[in-house]
Amino acid sequence: MPDRYRRFEIAEKAGINKTTPFKDACDRLKEHYAVTETVEELREKFAQRIQLQNENLDVYSRDLRLLGNKAFDKAPHDIFEILLIKQFIDGIRNSVPKRDC
């Protein structure tokens, strides 16, 4: 994989796109690379993560993806996406009934 594609992949995993302000991009990269917890702790944190009160779905989704990337960094992409979708749905806080997947 060419190096430039790797950089785009890293930015995407950190929740950065071309409209992300520079300061936010720096903060997200620091957060993305700062691993001070064990894999088990990160996975437990991921499993416990729910949408916070007054947190919009975009922020919840981005934070869950960042946490998931740390917790499951060695997982195949398709498995990671399944785990991410399941946790996202399970953690949504609203009055709309959830459907079983």
Protein backbone atom coordinates (compact mmCIF):
# COMPACT_ATOMS: atom_id res chain seq x y z
CA MET A 1 0.00 0.00 0.00
CA PRO A 2 1.49 3.38 -0.95
CA ASP A 3 2.40 5.61 1.97
CA ARG A 4 -0.10 8.31 1.05
CA TYR A 5 -2.99 5.84 1.31
CA ARG A 6 -1.72 4.76 4.71
CA ARG A 7 -1.82 8.39 5.86
CA PHE A 8 -5.44 8.71 4.68
CA GLU A 9 -6.32 5.50 6.51
CA ILE A 10 -4.76 6.79 9.75
CA ALA A 11 -6.58 10.12 9.44
CA GLU A 12 -9.88 8.35 8.80
CA LYS A 13 -9.39 6.08 11.81
CA ALA A 14 -8.72 9.15 13.94
CA GLY A 15 -11.93 10.79 12.74
CA ILE A 16 -10.16 13.42 10.62
CA ASN A 17 -11.32 14.64 7.22
CA LYS A 18 -10.49 17.59 5.00
CA THR A 19 -12.83 19.92 6.92
CA THR A 20 -11.43 19.11 10.38
CA PRO A 21 -9.80 22.18 11.96
CA PHE A 22 -6.06 21.81 12.54
CA LYS A 23 -6.28 21.94 16.36
CA ASP A 24 -9.00 19.27 16.38
CA ALA A 25 -6.94 17.11 14.01
CA CYS A 26 -3.92 17.37 16.32
CA ASP A 27 -6.03 16.52 19.37
CA ARG A 28 -7.58 13.52 17.61
CA LEU A 29 -4.19 12.20 16.48
CA LYS A 30 -2.81 12.55 20.02
CA GLU A 31 -5.86 10.72 21.34
CA HIS A 32 -5.59 8.07 18.63
CA TYR A 33 -1.95 7.26 19.40
CA ALA A 34 -2.06 7.66 23.17
CA VAL A 35 -2.63 4.16 24.52
CA THR A 36 -2.30 4.10 28.27
CA GLU A 37 -4.74 1.25 28.88
CA THR A 38 -4.50 -2.45 28.21
CA VAL A 39 -6.41 -4.04 25.35
CA GLU A 40 -8.73 -5.68 27.88
CA GLU A 41 -9.47 -2.32 29.52
CA LEU A 42 -10.09 -0.70 26.15
CA ARG A 43 -12.44 -3.50 25.11
CA GLU A 44 -14.37 -3.20 28.36
CA LYS A 45 -14.60 0.55 27.88
CA PHE A 46 -15.86 -0.02 24.32
CA ALA A 47 -18.50 -2.49 25.53
CA GLN A 48 -19.68 -0.02 28.19
CA ARG A 49 -19.73 3.05 25.91
CA ILE A 50 -23.21 4.44 25.39
CA GLN A 51 -24.42 7.70 23.96
CA LEU A 52 -24.16 10.38 26.62
CA GLN A 53 -27.10 12.58 27.49
CA ASN A 54 -27.26 15.48 24.99
CA GLU A 55 -24.49 13.91 22.87
CA ASN A 56 -25.34 13.96 19.18
CA LEU A 57 -25.00 10.80 17.13
CA ASP A 58 -22.07 12.12 15.08
CA VAL A 59 -19.95 12.71 18.18
CA TYR A 60 -21.02 9.40 19.73
CA SER A 61 -20.21 7.55 16.50
CA ARG A 62 -16.79 9.24 16.11
CA ASP A 63 -15.79 8.59 19.72
CA LEU A 64 -16.98 4.99 19.58
CA ARG A 65 -14.98 4.40 16.38
CA LEU A 66 -11.83 5.93 17.91
CA LEU A 67 -12.19 3.77 21.00
CA GLY A 68 -12.92 0.70 18.88
CA ASN A 69 -9.86 1.31 16.72
CA LYS A 70 -7.71 1.18 19.84
CA ALA A 71 -9.51 -1.80 21.36
CA PHE A 72 -9.62 -3.90 18.19
CA ASP A 73 -6.63 -2.63 16.22
CA LYS A 74 -5.65 -6.12 15.11
CA ALA A 75 -9.17 -7.30 14.20
CA PRO A 76 -10.11 -7.81 10.54
CA HIS A 77 -11.97 -4.80 9.16
CA ASP A 78 -15.27 -6.63 8.59
CA ILE A 79 -15.31 -8.04 12.14
CA PHE A 80 -14.49 -4.61 13.56
CA GLU A 81 -17.33 -3.01 11.59
CA ILE A 82 -19.82 -5.59 12.93
CA LEU A 83 -18.70 -4.95 16.52
CA LEU A 84 -18.87 -1.21 15.95
CA ILE A 85 -22.38 -1.28 14.48
CA LYS A 86 -23.69 -3.53 17.25
CA GLN A 87 -22.25 -1.34 20.01
CA PHE A 88 -23.45 1.82 18.29
CA ILE A 89 -27.03 0.52 18.09
CA ASP A 90 -26.97 -0.90 21.62
CA GLY A 91 -25.66 2.40 23.02
CA ILE A 92 -28.11 4.82 21.39
CA ARG A 93 -30.14 6.74 23.96
CA ASN A 94 -33.45 7.75 22.48
CA SER A 95 -37.09 6.80 22.58
CA VAL A 96 -37.14 5.07 19.19
CA PRO A 97 -37.43 1.30 19.69
CA LYS A 98 -34.38 -0.71 18.57
CA ARG A 99 -34.79 -3.57 16.13
CA ASP A 100 -32.89 -6.83 16.44
CA CYS A 101 -30.21 -7.21 13.78
